[in-house]
Amino acid sequence: SRKGNVYLTFIVEDLKTTVARIRSSGAPVRTEGEIVEVREGVSLSILDDPEGNHLEFVEYRNLVDYRKDLD
């Protein structure tokens, strides 16, 4: 019910393949260079859905470092 930008984040195992599949549908990429490493072992890409919402896709080299409860 609020206006403004909202990021919906998806954690994926293979960011490069995920971005390629989404781009093949014509989705605009917001991330300069398509994929950026935001910190060691964490890469992301932001694309838009057909309605212009920002979708963030993140890949963790070691997901357990991020989510200790998955161990």
N, C-alpha and C. Protein backbone atom coordinates (compact mmCIF):
# COMPACT_ATOMS: atom_id res chain seq x y z
N SER A 1 0.81 -1.19 0.00
CA SER A 1 0.00 0.00 0.00
C SER A 1 0.86 1.27 0.00
N ARG A 2 2.17 1.10 0.00
CA ARG A 2 3.05 2.27 -0.01
C ARG A 2 3.69 2.42 -1.38
N LYS A 3 4.00 3.65 -1.72
CA LYS A 3 4.69 3.91 -2.97
C LYS A 3 6.17 4.01 -2.71
N GLY A 4 6.96 3.66 -3.73
CA GLY A 4 8.42 3.74 -3.60
C GLY A 4 9.04 2.43 -4.03
N ASN A 5 10.35 2.40 -3.97
CA ASN A 5 11.08 1.21 -4.40
C ASN A 5 11.08 0.14 -3.32
N VAL A 6 10.86 -1.07 -3.76
CA VAL A 6 10.94 -2.23 -2.89
C VAL A 6 11.80 -3.26 -3.62
N TYR A 7 12.72 -3.86 -2.91
CA TYR A 7 13.56 -4.90 -3.50
C TYR A 7 13.09 -6.25 -3.00
N LEU A 8 12.84 -7.14 -3.92
CA LEU A 8 12.52 -8.52 -3.59
C LEU A 8 13.78 -9.32 -3.89
N THR A 9 14.29 -10.01 -2.88
CA THR A 9 15.57 -10.69 -3.03
C THR A 9 15.39 -12.19 -3.15
N PHE A 10 16.07 -12.76 -4.14
CA PHE A 10 16.10 -14.20 -4.36
C PHE A 10 17.53 -14.67 -4.19
N ILE A 11 17.74 -15.69 -3.37
CA ILE A 11 19.07 -16.30 -3.23
C ILE A 11 19.12 -17.46 -4.21
N VAL A 12 20.12 -17.43 -5.10
CA VAL A 12 20.24 -18.44 -6.15
C VAL A 12 21.59 -19.14 -6.07
N GLU A 13 21.66 -20.32 -6.63
CA GLU A 13 22.92 -21.09 -6.63
C GLU A 13 23.84 -20.73 -7.77
N ASP A 14 23.29 -20.30 -8.91
CA ASP A 14 24.10 -20.01 -10.09
C ASP A 14 23.63 -18.67 -10.66
N LEU A 15 24.22 -17.59 -10.18
CA LEU A 15 23.78 -16.25 -10.55
C LEU A 15 23.99 -15.97 -12.03
N LYS A 16 25.10 -16.40 -12.58
CA LYS A 16 25.39 -16.13 -13.99
C LYS A 16 24.31 -16.73 -14.89
N THR A 17 23.93 -17.97 -14.66
CA THR A 17 22.90 -18.63 -15.45
C THR A 17 21.54 -17.99 -15.21
N THR A 18 21.24 -17.67 -13.97
CA THR A 18 19.96 -17.04 -13.64
C THR A 18 19.80 -15.71 -14.37
N VAL A 19 20.83 -14.88 -14.33
CA VAL A 19 20.78 -13.57 -15.00
C VAL A 19 20.63 -13.76 -16.51
N ALA A 20 21.35 -14.69 -17.08
CA ALA A 20 21.26 -14.93 -18.52
C ALA A 20 19.84 -15.34 -18.92
N ARG A 21 19.22 -16.20 -18.13
CA ARG A 21 17.85 -16.65 -18.44
C ARG A 21 16.86 -15.50 -18.36
N ILE A 22 17.00 -14.67 -17.34
CA ILE A 22 16.07 -13.55 -17.17
C ILE A 22 16.30 -12.50 -18.26
N ARG A 23 17.54 -12.23 -18.57
CA ARG A 23 17.85 -11.26 -19.62
C ARG A 23 17.33 -11.71 -20.96
N SER A 24 17.32 -13.01 -21.22
CA SER A 24 16.83 -13.52 -22.51
C SER A 24 15.35 -13.20 -22.72
N SER A 25 14.63 -12.89 -21.64
CA SER A 25 13.22 -12.51 -21.76
C SER A 25 13.07 -11.01 -21.98
N GLY A 26 14.19 -10.29 -22.02
CA GLY A 26 14.15 -8.85 -22.27
C GLY A 26 14.13 -7.99 -21.02
N ALA A 27 14.33 -8.58 -19.86
CA ALA A 27 14.31 -7.81 -18.61
C ALA A 27 15.49 -6.84 -18.54
N PRO A 28 15.23 -5.59 -18.18
CA PRO A 28 16.33 -4.63 -18.03
C PRO A 28 17.19 -4.96 -16.80
N VAL A 29 18.50 -4.79 -16.96
CA VAL A 29 19.44 -5.00 -15.85
C VAL A 29 19.77 -3.65 -15.25
N ARG A 30 19.69 -3.53 -13.93
CA ARG A 30 20.00 -2.29 -13.22
C ARG A 30 21.44 -2.26 -12.72
N THR A 31 22.05 -3.42 -12.60
CA THR A 31 23.41 -3.52 -12.07
C THR A 31 24.42 -3.27 -13.18
N GLU A 32 25.30 -2.31 -12.97
CA GLU A 32 26.33 -2.03 -13.96
C GLU A 32 27.22 -3.26 -14.10
N GLY A 33 27.38 -3.73 -15.33
CA GLY A 33 28.18 -4.92 -15.57
C GLY A 33 27.42 -6.21 -15.31
N GLU A 34 26.13 -6.15 -15.15
CA GLU A 34 25.22 -7.28 -14.90
C GLU A 34 25.35 -7.89 -13.52
N ILE A 35 26.56 -8.28 -13.13
CA ILE A 35 26.78 -8.92 -11.83
C ILE A 35 27.92 -8.18 -11.13
N VAL A 36 27.74 -7.93 -9.86
CA VAL A 36 28.77 -7.25 -9.09
C VAL A 36 29.04 -8.03 -7.80
N GLU A 37 30.30 -8.12 -7.42
CA GLU A 37 30.65 -8.74 -6.14
C GLU A 37 30.62 -7.63 -5.09
N VAL A 38 29.64 -7.71 -4.19
CA VAL A 38 29.45 -6.65 -3.20
C VAL A 38 30.37 -6.80 -2.00
N ARG A 39 30.77 -8.00 -1.72
CA ARG A 39 31.81 -8.29 -0.74
C ARG A 39 32.33 -9.68 -1.07
N GLU A 40 33.43 -10.05 -0.50
CA GLU A 40 34.05 -11.33 -0.85
C GLU A 40 33.05 -12.47 -0.69
N GLY A 41 32.82 -13.19 -1.78
CA GLY A 41 31.94 -14.35 -1.75
C GLY A 41 30.46 -14.06 -1.92
N VAL A 42 30.11 -12.79 -2.13
CA VAL A 42 28.70 -12.42 -2.30
C VAL A 42 28.55 -11.59 -3.57
N SER A 43 27.81 -12.14 -4.54
CA SER A 43 27.58 -11.45 -5.80
C SER A 43 26.09 -11.18 -5.97
N LEU A 44 25.77 -10.09 -6.68
CA LEU A 44 24.36 -9.79 -6.89
C LEU A 44 24.13 -9.15 -8.24
N SER A 45 22.88 -9.20 -8.64
CA SER A 45 22.41 -8.54 -9.85
C SER A 45 21.00 -8.06 -9.59
N ILE A 46 20.67 -6.87 -10.09
CA ILE A 46 19.33 -6.32 -9.94
C ILE A 46 18.73 -6.16 -11.33
N LEU A 47 17.56 -6.75 -11.52
CA LEU A 47 16.84 -6.67 -12.78
C LEU A 47 15.42 -6.19 -12.49
N ASP A 48 14.73 -5.76 -13.53
CA ASP A 48 13.34 -5.32 -13.37
C ASP A 48 12.38 -6.37 -13.89
N ASP A 49 11.25 -6.51 -13.21
CA ASP A 49 10.18 -7.36 -13.73
C ASP A 49 9.37 -6.53 -14.74
N PRO A 50 8.39 -7.13 -15.40
CA PRO A 50 7.63 -6.39 -16.41
C PRO A 50 6.91 -5.14 -15.90
N GLU A 51 6.65 -5.07 -14.60
CA GLU A 51 5.99 -3.91 -14.03
C GLU A 51 6.96 -2.86 -13.52
N GLY A 52 8.26 -3.11 -13.69
CA GLY A 52 9.28 -2.15 -13.27
C GLY A 52 9.75 -2.32 -11.84
N ASN A 53 9.31 -3.38 -11.16
CA ASN A 53 9.79 -3.64 -9.80
C ASN A 53 11.21 -4.18 -9.85
N HIS A 54 12.01 -3.79 -8.88
CA HIS A 54 13.40 -4.25 -8.82
C HIS A 54 13.47 -5.62 -8.17
N LEU A 55 14.11 -6.55 -8.84
CA LEU A 55 14.32 -7.89 -8.31
C LEU A 55 15.81 -8.09 -8.10
N GLU A 56 16.20 -8.45 -6.90
CA GLU A 56 17.61 -8.63 -6.56
C GLU A 56 17.89 -10.13 -6.46
N PHE A 57 18.91 -10.55 -7.19
CA PHE A 57 19.34 -11.95 -7.17
C PHE A 57 20.73 -12.00 -6.56
N VAL A 58 20.89 -12.85 -5.54
CA VAL A 58 22.15 -12.91 -4.79
C VAL A 58 22.67 -14.34 -4.78
N GLU A 59 23.98 -14.46 -4.94
CA GLU A 59 24.64 -15.76 -4.83
C GLU A 59 25.71 -15.65 -3.74
N TYR A 60 25.65 -16.57 -2.79
CA TYR A 60 26.65 -16.66 -1.73
C TYR A 60 27.57 -17.84 -2.05
N ARG A 61 28.87 -17.58 -2.08
CA ARG A 61 29.80 -18.68 -2.32
C ARG A 61 29.62 -19.76 -1.27
N ASN A 62 29.38 -19.35 -0.03
CA ASN A 62 29.14 -20.28 1.07
C ASN A 62 27.90 -19.82 1.82
N LEU A 63 26.77 -20.37 1.48
CA LEU A 63 25.50 -19.93 2.06
C LEU A 63 25.45 -20.14 3.57
N VAL A 64 26.13 -21.13 4.08
CA VAL A 64 26.11 -21.40 5.52
C VAL A 64 26.77 -20.26 6.30
N ASP A 65 27.74 -19.57 5.69
CA ASP A 65 28.33 -18.39 6.35
C ASP A 65 27.28 -17.31 6.58
N TYR A 66 26.35 -17.20 5.66
CA TYR A 66 25.28 -16.21 5.75
C TYR A 66 24.13 -16.72 6.62
N ARG A 67 23.78 -17.98 6.47
CA ARG A 67 22.66 -18.59 7.18
C ARG A 67 23.17 -19.74 8.03
N LYS A 68 23.65 -19.44 9.22
CA LYS A 68 24.20 -20.46 10.12
C LYS A 68 23.17 -21.54 10.45
N ASP A 69 21.88 -21.21 10.39
CA ASP A 69 20.85 -22.18 10.71
C ASP A 69 20.72 -23.29 9.67
N LEU A 70 21.37 -23.14 8.52
CA LEU A 70 21.31 -24.17 7.49
C LEU A 70 22.34 -25.26 7.68
N ASP A 71 23.23 -25.07 8.61
CA ASP A 71 24.30 -26.05 8.85
C ASP A 71 23.78 -27.31 9.48
